[in-house]
Structures are given as structure tokens and as C-alpha cells.
Amino acid sequence: MQVNRGYEEIKNEIKKELKEHFGSKIGTFTIFGQTDTPYTMFNMQFKMYDYFFIALNYDRGSFGCAIISGDLAISLPNSQKWYDKADMGIFCKELQEQLELRIPDKFLEYYDWK
């Protein structure tokens, strides 16, 4: 029998993985919309590469990221759709690739991120 884990545990795991992978490329996290009732979900926002604000949404096991652009968001492709089955190394690598494609090389080189 699978034990249901709460948003606090899942949120902490995701934050730890992101921090370990991105290091100084990731900024402070803001968490909102969190609940375990009637199901586990939360939203997390953070700054990436001092260039984009990112929204990570977790809803009943499904998760993914989007670039925040004003009142809208640009969804980012992700092969790791379900958190319980996700390889967070792949998730972080794909997120990194999608973000770096959208940032000018001069900016990345200036900060020694390329």
C-alpha cells in the first residue's frame, strides 16, 4: 500500500533537487496554493538565472514548469510528467536546456553559466 505524502515533504524534496542541480542559478522560493485536502497540490515560484521567474505546479502527482510572463505563463516541455515516477536529474536537465535556449549566450557567458 502506497502512503500518501503531504505537500510539505514533496515540496522540500523538489526544492532540494533544484538547489543541488542549479546552485547559484536559482533564487528564493515562494510557495502558495498548498493543500493536502481533498488532494495534495501546491504552487512554487522562483527566479532562474537572474533572468526568468518560473512557476512549478504540483497537482495530484502531476508536475511541470512554466515561465511567468506578466499575467500569463509559457509552459515548458517536460518528459517527467508524474512526480512519483520522475527522474529528477532528467527533469532538471530538461528545465535547464529549455531555459538556456531562451537566454542570450552573452548573458550566460558573463555569469560563467555556459
PDB file of N, CA and C in Angstrom:
ATOM      1  N   MET A   1       0.829  -1.171   0.000  1.00  0.00           N
ATOM      2  CA  MET A   1       0.000   0.000   0.000  1.00  0.00           C
ATOM      3  C   MET A   1       0.887   1.253   0.000  1.00  0.00           C
ATOM      4  N   GLN A   2       0.605   2.190  -0.928  1.00  0.00           N
ATOM      5  CA  GLN A   2       1.369   3.423  -1.023  1.00  0.00           C
ATOM      6  C   GLN A   2       0.891   4.417   0.027  1.00  0.00           C
ATOM      7  N   VAL A   3       1.827   5.008   0.727  1.00  0.00           N
ATOM      8  CA  VAL A   3       1.496   6.000   1.732  1.00  0.00           C
ATOM      9  C   VAL A   3       1.422   7.362   1.041  1.00  0.00           C
ATOM     10  N   ASN A   4       0.338   8.079   1.277  1.00  0.00           N
ATOM     11  CA  ASN A   4       0.210   9.421   0.718  1.00  0.00           C
ATOM     12  C   ASN A   4       1.129  10.362   1.466  1.00  0.00           C
ATOM     13  N   ARG A   5       1.918  11.100   0.703  1.00  0.00           N
ATOM     14  CA  ARG A   5       2.817  12.077   1.303  1.00  0.00           C
ATOM     15  C   ARG A   5       2.210  13.465   1.134  1.00  0.00           C
ATOM     16  N   GLY A   6       2.433  14.311   2.109  1.00  0.00           N
ATOM     17  CA  GLY A   6       1.884  15.655   2.081  1.00  0.00           C
ATOM     18  C   GLY A   6       2.725  16.605   1.249  1.00  0.00           C
ATOM     19  N   TYR A   7       2.138  17.770   0.976  1.00  0.00           N
ATOM     20  CA  TYR A   7       2.819  18.761   0.144  1.00  0.00           C
ATOM     21  C   TYR A   7       4.130  19.216   0.758  1.00  0.00           C
ATOM     22  N   GLU A   8       4.213  19.294   2.082  1.00  0.00           N
ATOM     23  CA  GLU A   8       5.436  19.770   2.738  1.00  0.00           C
ATOM     24  C   GLU A   8       6.632  18.875   2.389  1.00  0.00           C
ATOM     25  N   GLU A   9       6.449  17.569   2.465  1.00  0.00           N
ATOM     26  CA  GLU A   9       7.522  16.621   2.155  1.00  0.00           C
ATOM     27  C   GLU A   9       7.907  16.683   0.673  1.00  0.00           C
ATOM     28  N   ILE A  10       6.919  16.687  -0.200  1.00  0.00           N
ATOM     29  CA  ILE A  10       7.179  16.718  -1.640  1.00  0.00           C
ATOM     30  C   ILE A  10       7.832  18.035  -2.027  1.00  0.00           C
ATOM     31  N   LYS A  11       7.323  19.134  -1.505  1.00  0.00           N
ATOM     32  CA  LYS A  11       7.893  20.462  -1.774  1.00  0.00           C
ATOM     33  C   LYS A  11       9.359  20.510  -1.370  1.00  0.00           C
ATOM     34  N   ASN A  12       9.682  20.006  -0.192  1.00  0.00           N
ATOM     35  CA  ASN A  12      11.068  20.014   0.283  1.00  0.00           C
ATOM     36  C   ASN A  12      11.971  19.169  -0.602  1.00  0.00           C
ATOM     37  N   GLU A  13      11.482  18.023  -1.059  1.00  0.00           N
ATOM     38  CA  GLU A  13      12.273  17.165  -1.957  1.00  0.00           C
ATOM     39  C   GLU A  13      12.566  17.880  -3.273  1.00  0.00           C
ATOM     40  N   ILE A  14      11.543  18.504  -3.849  1.00  0.00           N
ATOM     41  CA  ILE A  14      11.719  19.200  -5.124  1.00  0.00           C
ATOM     42  C   ILE A  14      12.682  20.370  -4.966  1.00  0.00           C
ATOM     43  N   LYS A  15      12.515  21.164  -3.911  1.00  0.00           N
ATOM     44  CA  LYS A  15      13.419  22.295  -3.669  1.00  0.00           C
ATOM     45  C   LYS A  15      14.863  21.822  -3.523  1.00  0.00           C
ATOM     46  N   LYS A  16      15.070  20.735  -2.790  1.00  0.00           N
ATOM     47  CA  LYS A  16      16.419  20.208  -2.584  1.00  0.00           C
ATOM     48  C   LYS A  16      17.045  19.800  -3.912  1.00  0.00           C
ATOM     49  N   GLU A  17      16.298  19.082  -4.736  1.00  0.00           N
ATOM     50  CA  GLU A  17      16.812  18.645  -6.046  1.00  0.00           C
ATOM     51  C   GLU A  17      17.150  19.840  -6.932  1.00  0.00           C
ATOM     52  N   LEU A  18      16.268  20.831  -6.967  1.00  0.00           N
ATOM     53  CA  LEU A  18      16.509  22.016  -7.794  1.00  0.00           C
ATOM     54  C   LEU A  18      17.739  22.779  -7.317  1.00  0.00           C
ATOM     55  N   LYS A  19      17.862  22.964  -6.006  1.00  0.00           N
ATOM     56  CA  LYS A  19      19.019  23.676  -5.452  1.00  0.00           C
ATOM     57  C   LYS A  19      20.319  22.935  -5.738  1.00  0.00           C
ATOM     58  N   GLU A  20      20.304  21.608  -5.598  1.00  0.00           N
ATOM     59  CA  GLU A  20      21.510  20.824  -5.853  1.00  0.00           C
ATOM     60  C   GLU A  20      21.919  20.899  -7.319  1.00  0.00           C
ATOM     61  N   HIS A  21      20.955  20.868  -8.213  1.00  0.00           N
ATOM     62  CA  HIS A  21      21.271  20.890  -9.644  1.00  0.00           C
ATOM     63  C   HIS A  21      21.690  22.285 -10.122  1.00  0.00           C
ATOM     64  N   PHE A  22      20.958  23.321  -9.694  1.00  0.00           N
ATOM     65  CA  PHE A  22      21.170  24.651 -10.252  1.00  0.00           C
ATOM     66  C   PHE A  22      22.094  25.550  -9.434  1.00  0.00           C
ATOM     67  N   GLY A  23      22.291  25.256  -8.173  1.00  0.00           N
ATOM     68  CA  GLY A  23      23.197  26.063  -7.355  1.00  0.00           C
ATOM     69  C   GLY A  23      22.856  27.544  -7.394  1.00  0.00           C
ATOM     70  N   SER A  24      23.830  28.372  -7.800  1.00  0.00           N
ATOM     71  CA  SER A  24      23.648  29.828  -7.810  1.00  0.00           C
ATOM     72  C   SER A  24      22.729  30.318  -8.926  1.00  0.00           C
ATOM     73  N   LYS A  25      22.309  29.447  -9.809  1.00  0.00           N
ATOM     74  CA  LYS A  25      21.421  29.831 -10.914  1.00  0.00           C
ATOM     75  C   LYS A  25      19.969  29.965 -10.463  1.00  0.00           C
ATOM     76  N   ILE A  26      19.672  29.527  -9.239  1.00  0.00           N
ATOM     77  CA  ILE A  26      18.289  29.544  -8.753  1.00  0.00           C
ATOM     78  C   ILE A  26      18.176  30.458  -7.542  1.00  0.00           C
ATOM     79  N   GLY A  27      17.051  31.174  -7.472  1.00  0.00           N
ATOM     80  CA  GLY A  27      16.851  32.129  -6.380  1.00  0.00           C
ATOM     81  C   GLY A  27      15.883  31.622  -5.329  1.00  0.00           C
ATOM     82  N   THR A  28      15.345  32.540  -4.574  1.00  0.00           N
ATOM     83  CA  THR A  28      14.443  32.252  -3.463  1.00  0.00           C
ATOM     84  C   THR A  28      13.114  31.678  -3.948  1.00  0.00           C
ATOM     85  N   PHE A  29      12.575  30.766  -3.177  1.00  0.00           N
ATOM     86  CA  PHE A  29      11.314  30.105  -3.490  1.00  0.00           C
ATOM     87  C   PHE A  29      10.156  30.776  -2.755  1.00  0.00           C
ATOM     88  N   THR A  30       9.029  30.866  -3.434  1.00  0.00           N
ATOM     89  CA  THR A  30       7.778  31.304  -2.828  1.00  0.00           C
ATOM     90  C   THR A  30       6.764  30.190  -3.049  1.00  0.00           C
ATOM     91  N   ILE A  31       6.106  29.759  -1.985  1.00  0.00           N
ATOM     92  CA  ILE A  31       5.135  28.665  -2.059  1.00  0.00           C
ATOM     93  C   ILE A  31       3.749  29.240  -1.790  1.00  0.00           C
ATOM     94  N   PHE A  32       2.757  28.805  -2.579  1.00  0.00           N
ATOM     95  CA  PHE A  32       1.379  29.250  -2.354  1.00  0.00           C
ATOM     96  C   PHE A  32       0.420  28.195  -2.894  1.00  0.00           C
ATOM     97  N   GLY A  33      -0.838  28.327  -2.532  1.00  0.00           N
ATOM     98  CA  GLY A  33      -1.869  27.403  -3.001  1.00  0.00           C
ATOM     99  C   GLY A  33      -1.673  25.979  -2.528  1.00  0.00           C
ATOM    100  N   GLN A  34      -1.009  25.801  -1.388  1.00  0.00           N
ATOM    101  CA  GLN A  34      -0.708  24.458  -0.903  1.00  0.00           C
ATOM    102  C   GLN A  34      -1.862  23.886  -0.093  1.00  0.00           C
ATOM    103  N   THR A  35      -2.105  22.603  -0.313  1.00  0.00           N
ATOM    104  CA  THR A  35      -3.141  21.902   0.452  1.00  0.00           C
ATOM    105  C   THR A  35      -2.913  20.397   0.351  1.00  0.00           C
ATOM    106  N   ASP A  36      -3.386  19.685   1.334  1.00  0.00           N
ATOM    107  CA  ASP A  36      -3.403  18.223   1.295  1.00  0.00           C
ATOM    108  C   ASP A  36      -4.837  17.713   1.245  1.00  0.00           C
ATOM    109  N   THR A  37      -5.817  18.628   1.339  1.00  0.00           N
ATOM    110  CA  THR A  37      -7.220  18.247   1.363  1.00  0.00           C
ATOM    111  C   THR A  37      -7.975  18.995   0.283  1.00  0.00           C
ATOM    112  N   PRO A  38      -8.691  18.396  -0.567  1.00  0.00           N
ATOM    113  CA  PRO A  38      -9.006  16.981  -0.666  1.00  0.00           C
ATOM    114  C   PRO A  38      -7.903  16.161  -1.355  1.00  0.00           C
ATOM    115  N   TYR A  39      -6.903  16.840  -1.912  1.00  0.00           N
ATOM    116  CA  TYR A  39      -5.763  16.157  -2.534  1.00  0.00           C
ATOM    117  C   TYR A  39      -4.545  17.062  -2.406  1.00  0.00           C
ATOM    118  N   THR A  40      -3.377  16.496  -2.647  1.00  0.00           N
ATOM    119  CA  THR A  40      -2.138  17.247  -2.499  1.00  0.00           C
ATOM    120  C   THR A  40      -1.863  18.088  -3.739  1.00  0.00           C
ATOM    121  N   MET A  41      -1.648  19.384  -3.505  1.00  0.00           N
ATOM    122  CA  MET A  41      -1.260  20.287  -4.578  1.00  0.00           C
ATOM    123  C   MET A  41      -0.552  21.497  -3.975  1.00  0.00           C
ATOM    124  N   PHE A  42       0.302  22.117  -4.775  1.00  0.00           N
ATOM    125  CA  PHE A  42       0.944  23.370  -4.380  1.00  0.00           C
ATOM    126  C   PHE A  42       1.542  24.028  -5.613  1.00  0.00           C
ATOM    127  N   ASN A  43       1.838  25.297  -5.468  1.00  0.00           N
ATOM    128  CA  ASN A  43       2.499  26.080  -6.497  1.00  0.00           C
ATOM    129  C   ASN A  43       3.759  26.681  -5.883  1.00  0.00           C
ATOM    130  N   MET A  44       4.798  26.721  -6.681  1.00  0.00           N
ATOM    131  CA  MET A  44       6.077  27.228  -6.232  1.00  0.00           C
ATOM    132  C   MET A  44       6.585  28.184  -7.309  1.00  0.00           C
ATOM    133  N   GLN A  45       7.111  29.331  -6.898  1.00  0.00           N
ATOM    134  CA  GLN A  45       7.731  30.253  -7.846  1.00  0.00           C
ATOM    135  C   GLN A  45       9.157  30.515  -7.410  1.00  0.00           C
ATOM    136  N   PHE A  46      10.035  30.701  -8.389  1.00  0.00           N
ATOM    137  CA  PHE A  46      11.428  31.006  -8.100  1.00  0.00           C
ATOM    138  C   PHE A  46      12.059  31.689  -9.306  1.00  0.00           C
ATOM    139  N   LYS A  47      13.142  32.389  -9.052  1.00  0.00           N
ATOM    140  CA  LYS A  47      13.871  33.085 -10.110  1.00  0.00           C
ATOM    141  C   LYS A  47      14.984  32.172 -10.614  1.00  0.00           C
ATOM    142  N   MET A  48      15.144  32.117 -11.937  1.00  0.00           N
ATOM    143  CA  MET A  48      16.196  31.291 -12.539  1.00  0.00           C
ATOM    144  C   MET A  48      17.124  32.159 -13.366  1.00  0.00           C
ATOM    145  N   TYR A  49      18.418  31.935 -13.209  1.00  0.00           N
ATOM    146  CA  TYR A  49      19.455  32.611 -13.983  1.00  0.00           C
ATOM    147  C   TYR A  49      19.380  34.136 -13.860  1.00  0.00           C
ATOM    148  N   ASP A  50      18.748  34.632 -12.827  1.00  0.00           N
ATOM    149  CA  ASP A  50      18.563  36.063 -12.669  1.00  0.00           C
ATOM    150  C   ASP A  50      17.942  36.652 -13.940  1.00  0.00           C
ATOM    151  N   TYR A  51      17.072  35.847 -14.600  1.00  0.00           N
ATOM    152  CA  TYR A  51      16.531  36.215 -15.908  1.00  0.00           C
ATOM    153  C   TYR A  51      15.039  35.927 -16.033  1.00  0.00           C
ATOM    154  N   PHE A  52      14.593  34.781 -15.502  1.00  0.00           N
ATOM    155  CA  PHE A  52      13.195  34.371 -15.605  1.00  0.00           C
ATOM    156  C   PHE A  52      12.618  34.106 -14.220  1.00  0.00           C
ATOM    157  N   PHE A  53      11.313  34.320 -14.103  1.00  0.00           N
ATOM    158  CA  PHE A  53      10.576  33.805 -12.955  1.00  0.00           C
ATOM    159  C   PHE A  53       9.855  32.551 -13.440  1.00  0.00           C
ATOM    160  N   ILE A  54       9.966  31.478 -12.667  1.00  0.00           N
ATOM    161  CA  ILE A  54       9.424  30.175 -13.040  1.00  0.00           C
ATOM    162  C   ILE A  54       8.334  29.777 -12.054  1.00  0.00           C
ATOM    163  N   ALA A  55       7.277  29.191 -12.578  1.00  0.00           N
ATOM    164  CA  ALA A  55       6.224  28.599 -11.760  1.00  0.00           C
ATOM    165  C   ALA A  55       6.326  27.090 -11.894  1.00  0.00           C
ATOM    166  N   LEU A  56       6.364  26.392 -10.774  1.00  0.00           N
ATOM    167  CA  LEU A  56       6.309  24.931 -10.762  1.00  0.00           C
ATOM    168  C   LEU A  56       4.997  24.576 -10.082  1.00  0.00           C
ATOM    169  N   ASN A  57       4.184  23.807 -10.766  1.00  0.00           N
ATOM    170  CA  ASN A  57       2.887  23.389 -10.225  1.00  0.00           C
ATOM    171  C   ASN A  57       2.899  21.886  -9.981  1.00  0.00           C
ATOM    172  N   TYR A  58       2.390  21.499  -8.823  1.00  0.00           N
ATOM    173  CA  TYR A  58       2.224  20.087  -8.456  1.00  0.00           C
ATOM    174  C   TYR A  58       0.749  19.901  -8.139  1.00  0.00           C
ATOM    175  N   ASP A  59       0.114  18.950  -8.830  1.00  0.00           N
ATOM    176  CA  ASP A  59      -1.318  18.715  -8.629  1.00  0.00           C
ATOM    177  C   ASP A  59      -1.600  17.226  -8.754  1.00  0.00           C
ATOM    178  N   ARG A  60      -1.879  16.580  -7.618  1.00  0.00           N
ATOM    179  CA  ARG A  60      -2.227  15.155  -7.565  1.00  0.00           C
ATOM    180  C   ARG A  60      -1.197  14.263  -8.260  1.00  0.00           C
ATOM    181  N   GLY A  61       0.081  14.613  -8.122  1.00  0.00           N
ATOM    182  CA  GLY A  61       1.145  13.784  -8.671  1.00  0.00           C
ATOM    183  C   GLY A  61       1.708  14.288  -9.979  1.00  0.00           C
ATOM    184  N   SER A  62       0.952  15.070 -10.712  1.00  0.00           N
ATOM    185  CA  SER A  62       1.412  15.650 -11.964  1.00  0.00           C
ATOM    186  C   SER A  62       2.171  16.933 -11.648  1.00  0.00           C
ATOM    187  N   PHE A  63       3.284  17.176 -12.352  1.00  0.00           N
ATOM    188  CA  PHE A  63       4.012  18.412 -12.098  1.00  0.00           C
ATOM    189  C   PHE A  63       4.720  18.896 -13.352  1.00  0.00           C
ATOM    190  N   GLY A  64       5.014  20.188 -13.368  1.00  0.00           N
ATOM    191  CA  GLY A  64       5.693  20.790 -14.506  1.00  0.00           C
ATOM    192  C   GLY A  64       5.969  22.252 -14.243  1.00  0.00           C
ATOM    193  N   CYS A  65       6.698  22.877 -15.178  1.00  0.00           N
ATOM    194  CA  CYS A  65       7.122  24.262 -15.014  1.00  0.00           C
ATOM    195  C   CYS A  65       6.642  25.131 -16.166  1.00  0.00           C
ATOM    196  N   ALA A  66       6.606  26.428 -15.877  1.00  0.00           N
ATOM    197  CA  ALA A  66       6.267  27.422 -16.892  1.00  0.00           C
ATOM    198  C   ALA A  66       7.036  28.700 -16.583  1.00  0.00           C
ATOM    199  N   ILE A  67       7.373  29.445 -17.629  1.00  0.00           N
ATOM    200  CA  ILE A  67       7.981  30.765 -17.465  1.00  0.00           C
ATOM    201  C   ILE A  67       6.844  31.756 -17.249  1.00  0.00           C
ATOM    202  N   ILE A  68       6.965  32.570 -16.213  1.00  0.00           N
ATOM    203  CA  ILE A  68       5.947  33.569 -15.931  1.00  0.00           C
ATOM    204  C   ILE A  68       6.222  34.787 -16.816  1.00  0.00           C
ATOM    205  N   SER A  69       5.197  35.195 -17.543  1.00  0.00           N
ATOM    206  CA  SER A  69       5.304  36.341 -18.448  1.00  0.00           C
ATOM    207  C   SER A  69       4.089  37.242 -18.210  1.00  0.00           C
ATOM    208  N   GLY A  70       4.224  38.158 -17.266  1.00  0.00           N
ATOM    209  CA  GLY A  70       3.100  39.017 -16.906  1.00  0.00           C
ATOM    210  C   GLY A  70       1.995  38.206 -16.260  1.00  0.00           C
ATOM    211  N   ASP A  71       0.784  38.332 -16.779  1.00  0.00           N
ATOM    212  CA  ASP A  71      -0.358  37.584 -16.248  1.00  0.00           C
ATOM    213  C   ASP A  71      -0.459  36.190 -16.843  1.00  0.00           C
ATOM    214  N   LEU A  72       0.409  35.891 -17.795  1.00  0.00           N
ATOM    215  CA  LEU A  72       0.366  34.602 -18.494  1.00  0.00           C
ATOM    216  C   LEU A  72       1.594  33.774 -18.149  1.00  0.00           C
ATOM    217  N   ALA A  73       1.598  32.546 -18.618  1.00  0.00           N
ATOM    218  CA  ALA A  73       2.746  31.662 -18.413  1.00  0.00           C
ATOM    219  C   ALA A  73       3.014  30.886 -19.697  1.00  0.00           C
ATOM    220  N   ILE A  74       4.287  30.618 -19.941  1.00  0.00           N
ATOM    221  CA  ILE A  74       4.706  29.844 -21.105  1.00  0.00           C
ATOM    222  C   ILE A  74       5.113  28.464 -20.600  1.00  0.00           C
ATOM    223  N   SER A  75       4.312  27.472 -20.913  1.00  0.00           N
ATOM    224  CA  SER A  75       4.559  26.110 -20.439  1.00  0.00           C
ATOM    225  C   SER A  75       5.838  25.557 -21.069  1.00  0.00           C
ATOM    226  N   LEU A  76       6.628  24.845 -20.266  1.00  0.00           N
ATOM    227  CA  LEU A  76       7.874  24.258 -20.747  1.00  0.00           C
ATOM    228  C   LEU A  76       7.705  22.750 -20.924  1.00  0.00           C
ATOM    229  N   PRO A  77       8.192  22.216 -22.051  1.00  0.00           N
ATOM    230  CA  PRO A  77       8.097  20.767 -22.271  1.00  0.00           C
ATOM    231  C   PRO A  77       8.844  20.002 -21.181  1.00  0.00           C
ATOM    232  N   ASN A  78       8.314  18.823 -20.867  1.00  0.00           N
ATOM    233  CA  ASN A  78       8.876  18.037 -19.777  1.00  0.00           C
ATOM    234  C   ASN A  78       8.509  16.571 -19.991  1.00  0.00           C
ATOM    235  N   SER A  79       9.503  15.713 -20.068  1.00  0.00           N
ATOM    236  CA  SER A  79       9.222  14.286 -20.248  1.00  0.00           C
ATOM    237  C   SER A  79       8.855  13.590 -18.941  1.00  0.00           C
ATOM    238  N   GLN A  80       9.085  14.248 -17.814  1.00  0.00           N
ATOM    239  CA  GLN A  80       8.820  13.678 -16.493  1.00  0.00           C
ATOM    240  C   GLN A  80       7.500  14.236 -15.964  1.00  0.00           C
ATOM    241  N   LYS A  81       6.400  13.634 -16.356  1.00  0.00           N
ATOM    242  CA  LYS A  81       5.065  14.179 -16.061  1.00  0.00           C
ATOM    243  C   LYS A  81       4.560  13.862 -14.658  1.00  0.00           C
ATOM    244  N   TRP A  82       4.935  12.707 -14.106  1.00  0.00           N
ATOM    245  CA  TRP A  82       4.402  12.253 -12.815  1.00  0.00           C
ATOM    246  C   TRP A  82       5.525  12.185 -11.796  1.00  0.00           C
ATOM    247  N   TYR A  83       5.365  12.912 -10.692  1.00  0.00           N
ATOM    248  CA  TYR A  83       6.428  13.037  -9.705  1.00  0.00           C
ATOM    249  C   TYR A  83       6.883  11.685  -9.148  1.00  0.00           C
ATOM    250  N   ASP A  84       5.959  10.794  -8.837  1.00  0.00           N
ATOM    251  CA  ASP A  84       6.330   9.501  -8.245  1.00  0.00           C
ATOM    252  C   ASP A  84       7.174   8.644  -9.179  1.00  0.00           C
ATOM    253  N   LYS A  85       7.095   8.884 -10.487  1.00  0.00           N
ATOM    254  CA  LYS A  85       7.859   8.111 -11.465  1.00  0.00           C
ATOM    255  C   LYS A  85       8.998   8.922 -12.078  1.00  0.00           C
ATOM    256  N   ALA A  86       9.150  10.176 -11.661  1.00  0.00           N
ATOM    257  CA  ALA A  86      10.100  11.093 -12.292  1.00  0.00           C
ATOM    258  C   ALA A  86      11.545  10.797 -11.900  1.00  0.00           C
ATOM    259  N   ASP A  87      12.413  10.991 -12.849  1.00  0.00           N
ATOM    260  CA  ASP A  87      13.854  11.041 -12.608  1.00  0.00           C
ATOM    261  C   ASP A  87      14.175  12.530 -12.506  1.00  0.00           C
ATOM    262  N   MET A  88      14.431  13.014 -11.299  1.00  0.00           N
ATOM    263  CA  MET A  88      14.624  14.445 -11.101  1.00  0.00           C
ATOM    264  C   MET A  88      15.880  14.964 -11.796  1.00  0.00           C
ATOM    265  N   GLY A  89      16.850  14.101 -12.030  1.00  0.00           N
ATOM    266  CA  GLY A  89      18.031  14.505 -12.800  1.00  0.00           C
ATOM    267  C   GLY A  89      17.644  14.884 -14.216  1.00  0.00           C
ATOM    268  N   ILE A  90      16.789  14.066 -14.831  1.00  0.00           N
ATOM    269  CA  ILE A  90      16.301  14.349 -16.180  1.00  0.00           C
ATOM    270  C   ILE A  90      15.422  15.591 -16.164  1.00  0.00           C
ATOM    271  N   PHE A  91      14.545  15.697 -15.181  1.00  0.00           N
ATOM    272  CA  PHE A  91      13.669  16.862 -15.064  1.00  0.00           C
ATOM    273  C   PHE A  91      14.493  18.154 -15.011  1.00  0.00           C
ATOM    274  N   CYS A  92      15.504  18.186 -14.160  1.00  0.00           N
ATOM    275  CA  CYS A  92      16.340  19.385 -14.019  1.00  0.00           C
ATOM    276  C   CYS A  92      17.130  19.669 -15.294  1.00  0.00           C
ATOM    277  N   LYS A  93      17.648  18.624 -15.922  1.00  0.00           N
ATOM    278  CA  LYS A  93      18.411  18.795 -17.165  1.00  0.00           C
ATOM    279  C   LYS A  93      17.525  19.378 -18.264  1.00  0.00           C
ATOM    280  N   GLU A  94      16.320  18.864 -18.399  1.00  0.00           N
ATOM    281  CA  GLU A  94      15.396  19.378 -19.415  1.00  0.00           C
ATOM    282  C   GLU A  94      14.985  20.820 -19.109  1.00  0.00           C
ATOM    283  N   LEU A  95      14.765  21.138 -17.849  1.00  0.00           N
ATOM    284  CA  LEU A  95      14.429  22.508 -17.462  1.00  0.00           C
ATOM    285  C   LEU A  95      15.590  23.437 -17.809  1.00  0.00           C
ATOM    286  N   GLN A  96      16.804  23.020 -17.488  1.00  0.00           N
ATOM    287  CA  GLN A  96      17.996  23.811 -17.793  1.00  0.00           C
ATOM    288  C   GLN A  96      18.107  24.062 -19.297  1.00  0.00           C
ATOM    289  N   GLU A  97      17.937  23.026 -20.102  1.00  0.00           N
ATOM    290  CA  GLU A  97      18.020  23.165 -21.556  1.00  0.00           C
ATOM    291  C   GLU A  97      16.976  24.140 -22.076  1.00  0.00           C
ATOM    292  N   GLN A  98      15.725  24.002 -21.618  1.00  0.00           N
ATOM    293  CA  GLN A  98      14.650  24.870 -22.095  1.00  0.00           C
ATOM    294  C   GLN A  98      14.900  26.333 -21.717  1.00  0.00           C
ATOM    295  N   LEU A  99      15.428  26.581 -20.538  1.00  0.00           N
ATOM    296  CA  LEU A  99      15.681  27.956 -20.118  1.00  0.00           C
ATOM    297  C   LEU A  99      16.883  28.547 -20.845  1.00  0.00           C
ATOM    298  N   GLU A 100      17.966  27.778 -20.957  1.00  0.00           N
ATOM    299  CA  GLU A 100      19.174  28.296 -21.605  1.00  0.00           C
ATOM    300  C   GLU A 100      18.956  28.560 -23.088  1.00  0.00           C
ATOM    301  N   LEU A 101      18.023  27.851 -23.727  1.00  0.00           N
ATOM    302  CA  LEU A 101      17.686  28.127 -25.126  1.00  0.00           C
ATOM    303  C   LEU A 101      17.113  29.532 -25.292  1.00  0.00           C
ATOM    304  N   ARG A 102      16.504  30.054 -24.256  1.00  0.00           N
ATOM    305  CA  ARG A 102      15.802  31.335 -24.321  1.00  0.00           C
ATOM    306  C   ARG A 102      16.611  32.513 -23.792  1.00  0.00           C
ATOM    307  N   ILE A 103      17.813  32.261 -23.300  1.00  0.00           N
ATOM    308  CA  ILE A 103      18.660  33.310 -22.733  1.00  0.00           C
ATOM    309  C   ILE A 103      19.818  33.574 -23.699  1.00  0.00           C
ATOM    310  N   PRO A 104      20.122  34.842 -23.990  1.00  0.00           N
ATOM    311  CA  PRO A 104      21.254  35.138 -24.885  1.00  0.00           C
ATOM    312  C   PRO A 104      22.569  34.557 -24.353  1.00  0.00           C
ATOM    313  N   ASP A 105      23.371  34.008 -25.262  1.00  0.00           N
ATOM    314  CA  ASP A 105      24.656  33.412 -24.884  1.00  0.00           C
ATOM    315  C   ASP A 105      25.551  34.404 -24.141  1.00  0.00           C
ATOM    316  N   LYS A 106      25.557  35.663 -24.555  1.00  0.00           N
ATOM    317  CA  LYS A 106      26.393  36.664 -23.889  1.00  0.00           C
ATOM    318  C   LYS A 106      26.046  36.786 -22.410  1.00  0.00           C
ATOM    319  N   PHE A 107      24.778  36.705 -22.094  1.00  0.00           N
ATOM    320  CA  PHE A 107      24.332  36.788 -20.705  1.00  0.00           C
ATOM    321  C   PHE A 107      24.848  35.586 -19.921  1.00  0.00           C
ATOM    322  N   LEU A 108      24.682  34.385 -20.474  1.00  0.00           N
ATOM    323  CA  LEU A 108      25.145  33.165 -19.801  1.00  0.00           C
ATOM    324  C   LEU A 108      26.663  33.179 -19.629  1.00  0.00           C
ATOM    325  N   GLU A 109      27.383  33.628 -20.651  1.00  0.00           N
ATOM    326  CA  GLU A 109      28.849  33.671 -20.589  1.00  0.00           C
ATOM    327  C   GLU A 109      29.336  34.682 -19.553  1.00  0.00           C
ATOM    328  N   TYR A 110      28.651  35.814 -19.457  1.00  0.00           N
ATOM    329  CA  TYR A 110      29.024  36.838 -18.498  1.00  0.00           C
ATOM    330  C   TYR A 110      29.024  36.289 -17.071  1.00  0.00           C
ATOM    331  N   TYR A 111      28.040  35.479 -16.744  1.00  0.00           N
ATOM    332  CA  TYR A 111      27.928  34.886 -15.413  1.00  0.00           C
ATOM    333  C   TYR A 111      28.626  33.533 -15.306  1.00  0.00           C
ATOM    334  N   ASP A 112      29.333  33.146 -16.365  1.00  0.00           N
ATOM    335  CA  ASP A 112      30.055  31.866 -16.406  1.00  0.00           C
ATOM    336  C   ASP A 112      29.125  30.679 -16.231  1.00  0.00           C
ATOM    337  N   TRP A 113      27.929  30.760 -16.844  1.00  0.00           N
ATOM    338  CA  TRP A 113      26.936  29.708 -16.788  1.00  0.00           C
ATOM    339  C   TRP A 113      26.895  28.900 -18.077  1.00  0.00           C
ATOM    340  N   LYS A 114      27.735  29.215 -19.023  1.00  0.00           N
ATOM    341  CA  LYS A 114      27.753  28.483 -20.290  1.00  0.00           C
ATOM    342  C   LYS A 114      29.138  27.910 -20.504  1.00  0.00           C
TER     343      LYS A 114
END
